[in-house]
N, C-alpha and C. Protein backbone atom coordinates (compact mmCIF):
# COMPACT_ATOMS: atom_id res chain seq x y z
N UNK A 1 64.81 116.25 81.56
CA UNK A 1 66.21 117.30 81.46
C UNK A 1 67.38 115.95 81.03
N UNK A 2 67.69 115.00 81.73
CA UNK A 2 68.86 114.59 81.24
C UNK A 2 68.70 113.72 79.80
N UNK A 3 67.86 114.14 79.47
CA UNK A 3 67.13 113.11 78.13
C UNK A 3 67.69 114.10 77.07
N UNK A 4 67.64 115.52 77.04
CA UNK A 4 68.26 116.47 75.96
C UNK A 4 69.48 116.33 75.34
N UNK A 5 69.63 116.26 74.62
CA UNK A 5 70.61 115.78 73.80
C UNK A 5 71.95 117.44 74.20
N UNK A 6 71.37 118.12 74.60
CA UNK A 6 72.39 119.87 74.90
C UNK A 6 73.39 119.30 75.59
N UNK A 7 72.62 118.72 76.99
CA UNK A 7 72.71 117.90 77.97
C UNK A 7 74.29 117.17 78.14
N UNK A 8 73.31 115.76 77.27
CA UNK A 8 74.03 115.09 77.30
C UNK A 8 75.80 115.37 76.34
N UNK A 9 75.30 116.03 75.57
CA UNK A 9 76.92 116.30 75.24
C UNK A 9 77.50 117.34 75.66
N UNK A 10 77.03 118.46 76.53
CA UNK A 10 77.77 119.06 77.52
C UNK A 10 78.27 118.07 78.30
N UNK A 11 77.82 117.32 79.13
CA UNK A 11 78.26 116.30 80.43
C UNK A 11 79.35 115.66 79.46
N UNK A 12 79.41 115.23 78.47
CA UNK A 12 79.96 114.35 77.78
C UNK A 12 81.63 114.90 77.65
N UNK A 13 81.40 116.37 77.23
CA UNK A 13 82.28 117.17 76.97
C UNK A 13 83.19 117.56 78.06
N UNK A 14 82.34 117.50 78.73
CA UNK A 14 83.32 118.29 80.63
C UNK A 14 84.04 116.83 80.59
N UNK A 15 83.77 115.79 80.98
CA UNK A 15 84.23 114.83 81.31
C UNK A 15 85.44 113.96 80.40
N UNK A 16 84.70 113.83 79.56
CA UNK A 16 85.73 113.37 78.63
C UNK A 16 87.08 114.45 78.50
N UNK A 17 86.74 115.60 78.13
CA UNK A 17 87.80 116.40 78.25
C UNK A 17 88.85 116.62 79.48
N UNK A 18 88.14 116.39 80.98
CA UNK A 18 89.05 116.21 82.07
C UNK A 18 89.77 115.22 82.09
N UNK A 19 88.98 113.94 81.62
CA UNK A 19 89.43 112.66 81.70
C UNK A 19 90.63 112.53 80.68
N UNK A 20 90.59 113.21 79.68
CA UNK A 20 91.58 112.65 78.59
C UNK A 20 92.38 113.81 78.95
N UNK A 21 92.31 115.00 79.42
CA UNK A 21 93.87 115.90 80.24
C UNK A 21 94.21 114.64 80.82
N UNK A 22 94.50 114.38 81.83
CA UNK A 22 94.91 113.42 82.70
C UNK A 22 95.54 112.48 82.24
N UNK A 23 94.73 111.74 81.97
CA UNK A 23 95.36 110.83 80.86
C UNK A 23 96.38 110.82 80.06
N UNK A 24 95.98 111.88 79.12
CA UNK A 24 96.94 113.11 78.19
C UNK A 24 98.60 113.08 79.28
N UNK A 25 98.61 113.76 80.19
CA UNK A 25 99.60 113.50 80.66
C UNK A 25 100.31 112.44 81.18
N UNK A 26 99.98 111.25 82.03
CA UNK A 26 100.45 109.99 82.14
C UNK A 26 100.76 109.32 80.91
N UNK A 27 100.10 109.69 79.58
CA UNK A 27 100.72 108.89 78.58
C UNK A 27 101.71 109.29 77.89
N UNK A 28 101.75 110.80 78.36
CA UNK A 28 102.86 111.60 77.73
C UNK A 28 104.24 111.06 78.69
N UNK A 29 103.79 111.33 79.89
CA UNK A 29 105.38 110.53 81.04
C UNK A 29 105.78 109.65 80.60
N UNK A 30 104.40 108.31 80.36
CA UNK A 30 105.03 107.10 80.05
C UNK A 30 105.88 106.94 78.88
N UNK A 31 105.82 107.72 77.75
CA UNK A 31 106.06 107.82 76.20
C UNK A 31 107.46 108.49 76.35
N UNK A 32 107.71 109.47 77.73
CA UNK A 32 108.91 109.60 77.79
C UNK A 32 110.01 109.31 78.03
N UNK A 33 109.13 108.07 79.03
CA UNK A 33 110.31 107.40 79.95
C UNK A 33 111.09 106.43 79.08
N UNK A 34 109.83 106.07 78.34
CA UNK A 34 110.14 104.66 77.60
C UNK A 34 110.98 105.23 76.16
N UNK A 35 110.95 106.55 75.54
CA UNK A 35 112.05 107.13 74.53
C UNK A 35 113.31 107.07 75.17
N UNK A 36 113.20 107.74 76.67
CA UNK A 36 114.71 107.90 77.23
C UNK A 36 115.32 107.32 77.73
N UNK A 37 114.86 105.63 78.37
CA UNK A 37 115.61 104.30 78.93
C UNK A 37 116.55 103.99 77.97
N UNK A 38 116.19 103.38 76.68
CA UNK A 38 117.10 102.83 76.34
C UNK A 38 118.94 104.04 76.07
N UNK A 39 118.76 105.55 76.39
CA UNK A 39 119.77 106.05 75.75
C UNK A 39 120.37 105.88 77.64
N UNK A 40 119.66 105.85 78.11
CA UNK A 40 120.34 105.95 79.98
C UNK A 40 121.20 104.39 80.53
N UNK A 41 120.12 103.57 79.63
CA UNK A 41 120.85 102.32 79.88
C UNK A 41 122.10 101.82 78.91
N UNK A 42 122.12 102.69 78.02
CA UNK A 42 123.18 102.22 77.14
C UNK A 42 124.62 103.01 77.91
N UNK A 43 124.20 104.38 78.14
CA UNK A 43 125.10 105.14 78.83
C UNK A 43 125.06 104.19 80.61
N UNK A 44 124.54 103.99 80.84
CA UNK A 44 124.81 103.58 82.41
C UNK A 44 124.39 102.41 82.17
N UNK A 45 125.38 100.87 82.24
CA UNK A 45 125.38 99.91 81.52
C UNK A 45 125.04 98.69 83.05
N UNK A 46 125.85 99.54 84.15
CA UNK A 46 125.72 98.75 85.52
C UNK A 46 124.91 99.05 86.19
N UNK A 47 123.46 99.83 85.73
CA UNK A 47 122.19 100.58 86.74
C UNK A 47 121.55 99.17 86.98
N UNK A 48 120.98 99.00 88.32
CA UNK A 48 120.52 98.37 88.71
C UNK A 48 118.86 98.76 88.59
N UNK A 49 117.75 97.65 88.60
CA UNK A 49 116.10 98.24 88.41
C UNK A 49 115.88 97.84 89.89
N UNK A 50 115.43 98.51 90.20
CA UNK A 50 114.21 98.34 91.54
C UNK A 50 112.93 98.43 91.07
N UNK A 51 112.12 97.31 91.25
CA UNK A 51 110.43 97.72 91.02
C UNK A 51 110.06 97.41 92.25
N UNK A 52 108.85 98.56 92.64
CA UNK A 52 108.29 98.47 93.89
C UNK A 52 106.43 98.01 93.55
N UNK A 53 106.44 96.67 94.25
CA UNK A 53 105.39 95.85 93.71
C UNK A 53 104.30 95.86 93.00
N UNK A 54 104.80 95.34 91.49
CA UNK A 54 103.78 95.43 90.42
C UNK A 54 102.48 95.49 90.47
N UNK A 55 102.09 95.16 91.86
CA UNK A 55 100.41 94.84 91.81
C UNK A 55 99.60 95.97 91.44
N UNK A 56 100.07 97.50 91.75
CA UNK A 56 99.50 98.54 91.46
C UNK A 56 99.34 98.82 90.02
N UNK A 57 100.42 98.46 89.32
CA UNK A 57 99.78 99.00 87.83
C UNK A 57 99.33 97.99 86.95
N UNK A 58 99.60 96.41 87.68
CA UNK A 58 98.89 95.17 86.90
C UNK A 58 97.05 95.58 87.54
N UNK A 59 96.71 95.88 89.02
CA UNK A 59 95.86 96.04 89.44
C UNK A 59 94.68 97.28 88.53
N UNK A 60 95.28 98.01 88.15
CA UNK A 60 94.65 99.39 87.44
C UNK A 60 94.97 98.78 85.63
N UNK A 61 95.68 98.19 85.63
CA UNK A 61 95.15 97.24 84.13
C UNK A 61 94.23 96.73 84.25
N UNK A 62 93.71 95.88 85.26
CA UNK A 62 92.88 95.09 85.22
C UNK A 62 91.26 95.35 85.48
N UNK A 63 91.36 96.43 86.14
CA UNK A 63 90.09 97.60 86.44
C UNK A 63 89.73 98.30 85.07
N UNK A 64 90.97 98.73 84.20
CA UNK A 64 90.19 99.52 83.39
C UNK A 64 89.93 98.52 82.21
N UNK A 65 90.43 97.03 81.95
CA UNK A 65 90.03 96.01 80.91
C UNK A 65 88.39 95.94 81.49
N UNK A 66 88.28 95.65 83.06
CA UNK A 66 87.00 95.46 83.72
C UNK A 66 86.14 96.77 83.12
N UNK A 67 86.48 98.07 83.38
CA UNK A 67 85.58 99.29 83.02
C UNK A 67 84.83 99.48 81.26
N UNK A 68 86.10 98.98 80.66
CA UNK A 68 85.84 98.83 79.01
C UNK A 68 84.90 97.74 78.93
N UNK A 69 84.69 96.06 79.56
CA UNK A 69 83.80 95.58 79.71
C UNK A 69 82.53 95.91 79.76
N UNK A 70 82.63 96.77 81.02
CA UNK A 70 81.59 97.27 81.30
C UNK A 70 80.30 97.75 80.38
N UNK A 71 81.27 98.99 79.58
CA UNK A 71 80.28 99.66 78.80
C UNK A 71 79.56 99.19 77.53
N UNK A 72 80.25 97.43 77.40
CA UNK A 72 79.31 96.79 76.62
C UNK A 72 78.39 96.22 77.62
N UNK A 73 78.50 95.65 78.57
CA UNK A 73 77.92 95.23 79.22
C UNK A 73 76.24 96.06 79.45
N UNK A 74 76.69 97.59 79.99
CA UNK A 74 75.55 98.34 80.49
C UNK A 74 74.76 98.84 79.06
N UNK A 75 75.01 98.69 77.86
CA UNK A 75 74.43 98.46 76.62
C UNK A 75 73.41 98.66 76.98
N UNK A 76 73.15 96.44 77.34
CA UNK A 76 72.35 95.76 77.25
C UNK A 76 71.15 96.24 78.53
N UNK A 77 71.17 96.75 79.07
CA UNK A 77 70.01 97.84 80.18
C UNK A 77 68.85 98.16 79.71
N UNK A 78 68.07 98.32 79.86
CA UNK A 78 66.53 98.97 79.22
C UNK A 78 66.15 99.94 80.09
N UNK A 79 67.19 101.28 79.96
CA UNK A 79 66.93 102.28 81.22
C UNK A 79 67.17 103.83 80.21
N UNK A 80 66.90 104.43 80.20
CA UNK A 80 67.18 105.75 80.00
C UNK A 80 68.07 106.22 80.08
N UNK A 81 69.16 106.12 81.62
CA UNK A 81 70.29 106.44 81.62
C UNK A 81 71.58 105.90 81.05
N UNK A 82 71.48 104.44 79.98
CA UNK A 82 72.21 104.15 79.13
C UNK A 82 73.41 105.05 78.94
N UNK A 83 72.95 106.16 77.82
CA UNK A 83 74.02 106.94 77.79
C UNK A 83 74.91 107.60 79.08
N UNK A 84 74.58 107.67 80.28
CA UNK A 84 75.42 107.79 81.07
C UNK A 84 76.48 107.18 82.09
N UNK A 85 75.61 106.23 81.98
CA UNK A 85 76.53 104.93 82.27
C UNK A 85 77.54 104.36 81.68
N UNK A 86 77.05 104.41 80.31
CA UNK A 86 78.67 104.28 79.15
C UNK A 86 79.53 105.37 79.34
N UNK A 87 79.08 106.50 79.27
CA UNK A 87 80.11 107.72 79.40
C UNK A 87 80.87 107.29 80.95
N UNK A 88 80.11 106.81 81.96
CA UNK A 88 80.71 107.10 83.29
C UNK A 88 82.03 105.45 82.99
N UNK A 89 81.49 104.65 82.78
CA UNK A 89 82.63 103.65 82.60
C UNK A 89 83.31 103.57 81.66
N UNK A 90 83.45 104.46 80.24
CA UNK A 90 84.64 105.03 79.85
C UNK A 90 85.29 105.98 80.25
N UNK A 91 84.84 106.42 80.80
CA UNK A 91 85.84 107.73 81.78
C UNK A 91 86.75 107.01 82.70
N UNK A 92 85.86 106.15 83.67
CA UNK A 92 86.65 105.33 84.34
C UNK A 92 87.66 104.18 83.83
N UNK A 93 86.85 104.01 82.62
CA UNK A 93 88.67 102.90 81.61
C UNK A 93 89.86 103.70 81.76
N UNK A 94 89.21 104.95 81.19
CA UNK A 94 90.27 105.97 80.43
C UNK A 94 91.62 106.38 82.03
N UNK A 95 90.55 106.64 82.80
CA UNK A 95 91.47 106.94 83.88
C UNK A 95 92.49 105.92 84.37
N UNK A 96 91.88 104.76 84.68
CA UNK A 96 92.43 103.66 84.91
C UNK A 96 93.72 103.25 83.74
N UNK A 97 93.72 103.52 82.73
CA UNK A 97 94.61 103.15 81.28
C UNK A 97 95.94 104.34 81.71
N UNK A 98 95.58 105.53 82.05
CA UNK A 98 96.15 106.44 82.54
C UNK A 98 97.33 106.24 83.70
N UNK A 99 95.94 105.77 84.79
CA UNK A 99 96.58 105.34 86.07
C UNK A 99 97.88 104.53 85.94
N UNK A 100 97.13 103.50 85.28
CA UNK A 100 98.22 102.24 85.48
C UNK A 100 99.48 102.20 84.70
N UNK A 101 99.79 103.16 83.67
CA UNK A 101 101.02 103.73 82.47
C UNK A 101 101.91 104.84 83.79
N UNK A 102 101.08 105.63 84.74
CA UNK A 102 101.96 106.14 84.85
C UNK A 102 102.23 105.65 86.41
N UNK A 103 101.82 104.76 86.69
CA UNK A 103 102.46 103.59 87.85
C UNK A 103 103.23 102.95 87.77
N UNK A 104 102.93 102.27 86.48
CA UNK A 104 104.54 101.98 86.03
C UNK A 104 105.61 102.63 85.97
N UNK A 105 105.71 103.89 85.19
CA UNK A 105 106.49 104.43 85.50
C UNK A 105 107.40 105.00 87.07
N UNK A 106 105.99 105.17 87.80
CA UNK A 106 106.64 105.89 89.31
C UNK A 106 107.01 104.35 90.34
N UNK A 107 106.51 103.67 89.86
CA UNK A 107 107.16 102.43 90.76
C UNK A 107 108.64 101.52 90.46
N UNK A 108 109.56 102.50 89.56
CA UNK A 108 110.11 101.94 88.63
C UNK A 108 111.72 103.17 89.06
N UNK A 109 112.76 102.45 89.65
CA UNK A 109 113.91 103.05 89.81
C UNK A 109 115.24 102.30 89.63
N UNK A 110 116.11 103.28 88.80
CA UNK A 110 117.20 102.87 88.52
C UNK A 110 118.47 102.94 89.13
N UNK A 111 119.46 102.22 90.09
CA UNK A 111 120.48 102.53 91.17
C UNK A 111 121.53 102.65 90.24
N UNK A 112 122.23 103.64 90.10
CA UNK A 112 123.81 103.87 89.21
C UNK A 112 124.93 104.64 90.60
N UNK A 113 125.84 104.25 90.66
CA UNK A 113 126.63 104.71 91.18
C UNK A 113 126.61 106.25 91.62
N UNK A 114 126.38 106.90 90.75
CA UNK A 114 126.27 108.07 91.64
C UNK A 114 124.96 108.68 92.01
N UNK A 115 123.83 107.63 91.73
CA UNK A 115 122.70 108.25 92.04
C UNK A 115 121.68 107.27 91.56
N UNK A 116 120.60 108.06 91.20
CA UNK A 116 119.26 107.16 90.98
C UNK A 116 118.49 107.99 89.89
N UNK A 117 117.80 106.71 88.58
CA UNK A 117 117.10 107.26 87.97
C UNK A 117 115.80 107.06 87.69
N UNK A 118 115.01 108.23 87.97
CA UNK A 118 113.53 107.92 88.59
C UNK A 118 113.02 108.91 87.60
N UNK A 119 111.69 108.36 87.13
CA UNK A 119 111.06 109.15 85.95
C UNK A 119 111.84 110.01 84.49
N UNK A 120 112.72 109.57 84.42
CA UNK A 120 113.36 109.94 83.15
C UNK A 120 114.39 111.40 83.62
N UNK A 121 114.84 110.97 85.21
CA UNK A 121 115.56 112.21 85.15
C UNK A 121 116.68 111.61 86.28
N UNK A 122 118.13 111.61 86.58
CA UNK A 122 118.88 111.24 86.97
C UNK A 122 119.24 112.34 88.24
N UNK A 123 119.08 111.53 89.27
CA UNK A 123 119.51 112.49 90.76
C UNK A 123 120.52 111.87 91.23
N UNK A 124 121.32 112.85 91.58
CA UNK A 124 122.73 112.56 91.88
C UNK A 124 122.77 112.50 93.85
N UNK A 125 123.27 111.60 94.63
CA UNK A 125 123.55 111.50 95.34
C UNK A 125 123.78 112.31 96.23
N UNK A 126 124.79 113.37 95.95
CA UNK A 126 125.48 114.26 96.64
C UNK A 126 124.53 115.61 96.07
N UNK A 127 123.56 115.29 95.63
CA UNK A 127 122.45 116.56 95.41
C UNK A 127 121.16 116.06 96.75
N UNK A 128 120.80 115.02 97.42
CA UNK A 128 119.93 114.58 98.25
C UNK A 128 120.24 115.26 99.83
N UNK A 129 119.40 115.63 100.16
CA UNK A 129 119.68 116.36 101.47
C UNK A 129 119.03 115.55 102.88
N UNK A 130 118.02 115.15 102.70
CA UNK A 130 117.23 114.79 103.50
C UNK A 130 116.54 113.40 103.05
N UNK A 131 116.16 112.61 103.69
CA UNK A 131 114.72 111.83 103.81
C UNK A 131 114.12 111.50 104.72
N UNK A 132 112.58 112.12 104.44
CA UNK A 132 111.48 112.22 105.72
C UNK A 132 110.43 111.04 105.40
N UNK A 133 109.84 110.38 106.32
CA UNK A 133 108.86 109.76 106.47
C UNK A 133 107.40 110.59 106.63
N UNK A 134 106.64 110.21 105.32
CA UNK A 134 105.36 110.88 105.65
C UNK A 134 104.51 110.33 106.22
N UNK A 135 103.72 111.10 107.27
CA UNK A 135 102.60 110.00 108.12
C UNK A 135 101.51 109.94 107.46
N UNK A 136 100.51 109.07 107.58
CA UNK A 136 99.52 108.70 106.97
C UNK A 136 98.83 107.82 106.45
N UNK A 137 97.96 107.75 105.66
CA UNK A 137 96.99 106.24 105.69
C UNK A 137 98.79 105.00 104.95
N UNK A 138 99.31 106.00 104.22
CA UNK A 138 100.03 105.40 103.33
C UNK A 138 101.18 106.37 103.51
N UNK A 139 102.49 105.01 103.63
CA UNK A 139 103.63 106.05 104.22
C UNK A 139 104.41 105.93 103.34
N UNK A 140 104.44 107.28 102.81
CA UNK A 140 105.91 107.60 101.40
C UNK A 140 106.73 108.15 102.19
N UNK A 141 107.89 107.78 101.58
CA UNK A 141 108.97 109.14 101.74
C UNK A 141 109.41 109.73 101.14
N UNK A 142 109.83 111.26 101.32
CA UNK A 142 110.25 112.60 100.25
C UNK A 142 111.60 112.70 100.81
N UNK A 143 111.86 112.71 99.63
CA UNK A 143 113.81 112.97 99.50
C UNK A 143 113.23 114.56 98.96
N UNK A 144 114.26 115.42 99.84
CA UNK A 144 114.59 116.30 99.87
C UNK A 144 115.70 117.00 99.04
N UNK A 145 115.73 117.51 97.99
CA UNK A 145 116.72 118.19 97.60
C UNK A 145 117.63 118.99 97.88
N UNK A 146 118.94 119.35 97.55
CA UNK A 146 119.83 120.68 97.67
C UNK A 146 119.02 121.87 97.01
N UNK A 147 118.56 121.49 95.72
CA UNK A 147 118.02 122.78 94.93
C UNK A 147 116.39 122.75 95.24
N UNK A 148 116.22 122.18 96.69
CA UNK A 148 114.55 122.26 96.63
C UNK A 148 113.65 121.89 95.83
N UNK A 149 114.35 120.90 95.32
CA UNK A 149 113.08 119.68 94.38
C UNK A 149 112.30 118.75 95.20
N UNK A 150 111.78 118.46 95.49
CA UNK A 150 111.16 117.40 95.76
C UNK A 150 110.14 115.81 95.36
N UNK A 151 111.35 114.73 95.90
CA UNK A 151 110.55 113.03 95.56
C UNK A 151 109.76 112.38 96.28
N UNK A 152 108.89 112.13 95.91
CA UNK A 152 107.94 111.33 97.33
C UNK A 152 107.86 110.22 96.30
N UNK A 153 108.35 109.11 97.12
CA UNK A 153 108.54 107.68 96.46
C UNK A 153 107.83 106.65 97.59
N UNK A 154 107.29 105.57 97.62
CA UNK A 154 106.87 104.49 98.42
C UNK A 154 107.92 104.44 99.74
N UNK A 155 107.50 103.74 100.67
CA UNK A 155 108.21 103.92 101.57
C UNK A 155 109.46 103.13 101.34
N UNK A 156 109.22 101.42 100.28
CA UNK A 156 109.85 100.40 99.99
C UNK A 156 111.18 101.19 99.34
N UNK A 157 110.67 102.19 98.31
CA UNK A 157 111.70 102.70 97.31
C UNK A 157 112.20 103.55 98.28
N UNK A 158 111.67 104.18 99.10
CA UNK A 158 112.55 104.95 99.81
C UNK A 158 113.31 104.81 100.32
N UNK A 159 113.28 103.52 101.29
CA UNK A 159 114.43 103.15 102.23
C UNK A 159 115.41 102.11 101.40
N UNK A 160 115.22 101.84 100.07
CA UNK A 160 115.66 100.97 99.15
C UNK A 160 117.27 102.27 98.59
N UNK A 161 116.22 103.20 98.49
CA UNK A 161 117.46 104.46 97.95
C UNK A 161 118.21 105.19 98.94
N UNK A 162 117.77 105.03 100.17
CA UNK A 162 118.15 105.53 101.45
C UNK A 162 119.38 104.84 101.79
N UNK A 163 119.00 103.64 101.61
CA UNK A 163 119.96 102.43 101.99
C UNK A 163 121.33 102.24 100.89
N UNK A 164 120.84 102.79 99.80
CA UNK A 164 121.77 103.06 98.54
C UNK A 164 122.63 104.51 98.49
N UNK A 165 121.98 105.14 99.37
CA UNK A 165 122.71 106.90 99.74
C UNK A 165 123.72 106.63 100.76
N UNK A 166 122.89 106.02 101.48
CA UNK A 166 123.84 105.54 102.65
C UNK A 166 125.40 104.97 102.40
N UNK A 167 125.36 103.97 101.73
CA UNK A 167 126.10 102.80 101.22
C UNK A 167 127.28 103.72 100.25
N UNK A 168 127.04 104.51 99.47
CA UNK A 168 127.29 105.64 98.90
C UNK A 168 128.64 106.62 99.53
N UNK A 169 127.84 107.35 100.65
CA UNK A 169 128.32 108.16 101.74
C UNK A 169 129.53 106.97 102.16
N UNK A 170 129.18 105.84 102.95
CA UNK A 170 130.68 105.31 103.34
C UNK A 170 131.54 105.05 102.24
N UNK A 171 131.37 105.10 100.62
CA UNK A 171 132.42 104.45 100.17
C UNK A 171 132.84 106.33 100.05
N UNK A 172 132.14 107.14 99.89
CA UNK A 172 133.17 108.06 99.66
C UNK A 172 134.10 108.22 100.76
N UNK A 173 133.52 108.05 102.31
CA UNK A 173 134.25 108.20 103.37
C UNK A 173 135.45 107.55 103.29
N UNK A 174 135.33 106.33 103.15
CA UNK A 174 136.53 105.60 102.66
C UNK A 174 137.79 105.50 101.55
N UNK A 175 137.18 106.47 100.56
CA UNK A 175 138.25 107.16 99.45
C UNK A 175 138.58 108.40 100.20
N UNK A 176 138.07 109.04 101.17
CA UNK A 176 139.34 110.44 101.30
C UNK A 176 140.24 109.68 102.61
N UNK A 177 139.96 108.88 103.26
CA UNK A 177 140.80 108.09 104.27
C UNK A 177 142.04 107.77 103.46
């Protein structure tokens, strides 16, 4: 049944369609970020970059390369399932490429006087309502905005943003006195 060319094409289209869509979204996020970043940096010369643990996007990049290599290694196998092995490794490689690009964008935040620049958008400190720690295997911090928007960042990045927010509040109170 799995040797049928119609089944192989159907499986390939379904898998690569889904993988392509999710990777397309990640590539779009990355390209928009890279396109808007120079304008932001020209406007905000004093912006400070905070990068949260680059091991995540470096690791996913290495895994993408490994999966691409495995596409060629599985070609040497003498089995009827070579097509599916190659398809699976191609899908995994493409997913890891998308994850690497998206992780690169999501693990970077720029601090400016009035707020933060995160994923291509400026979030003002005055719009931040609450910081809540999310429980689970990976503890993230959810930043709740006054307009009901929610940002979810790593704990390390959330603490950094919260500290900057507290400093901003102190400066604001100091100006009123």
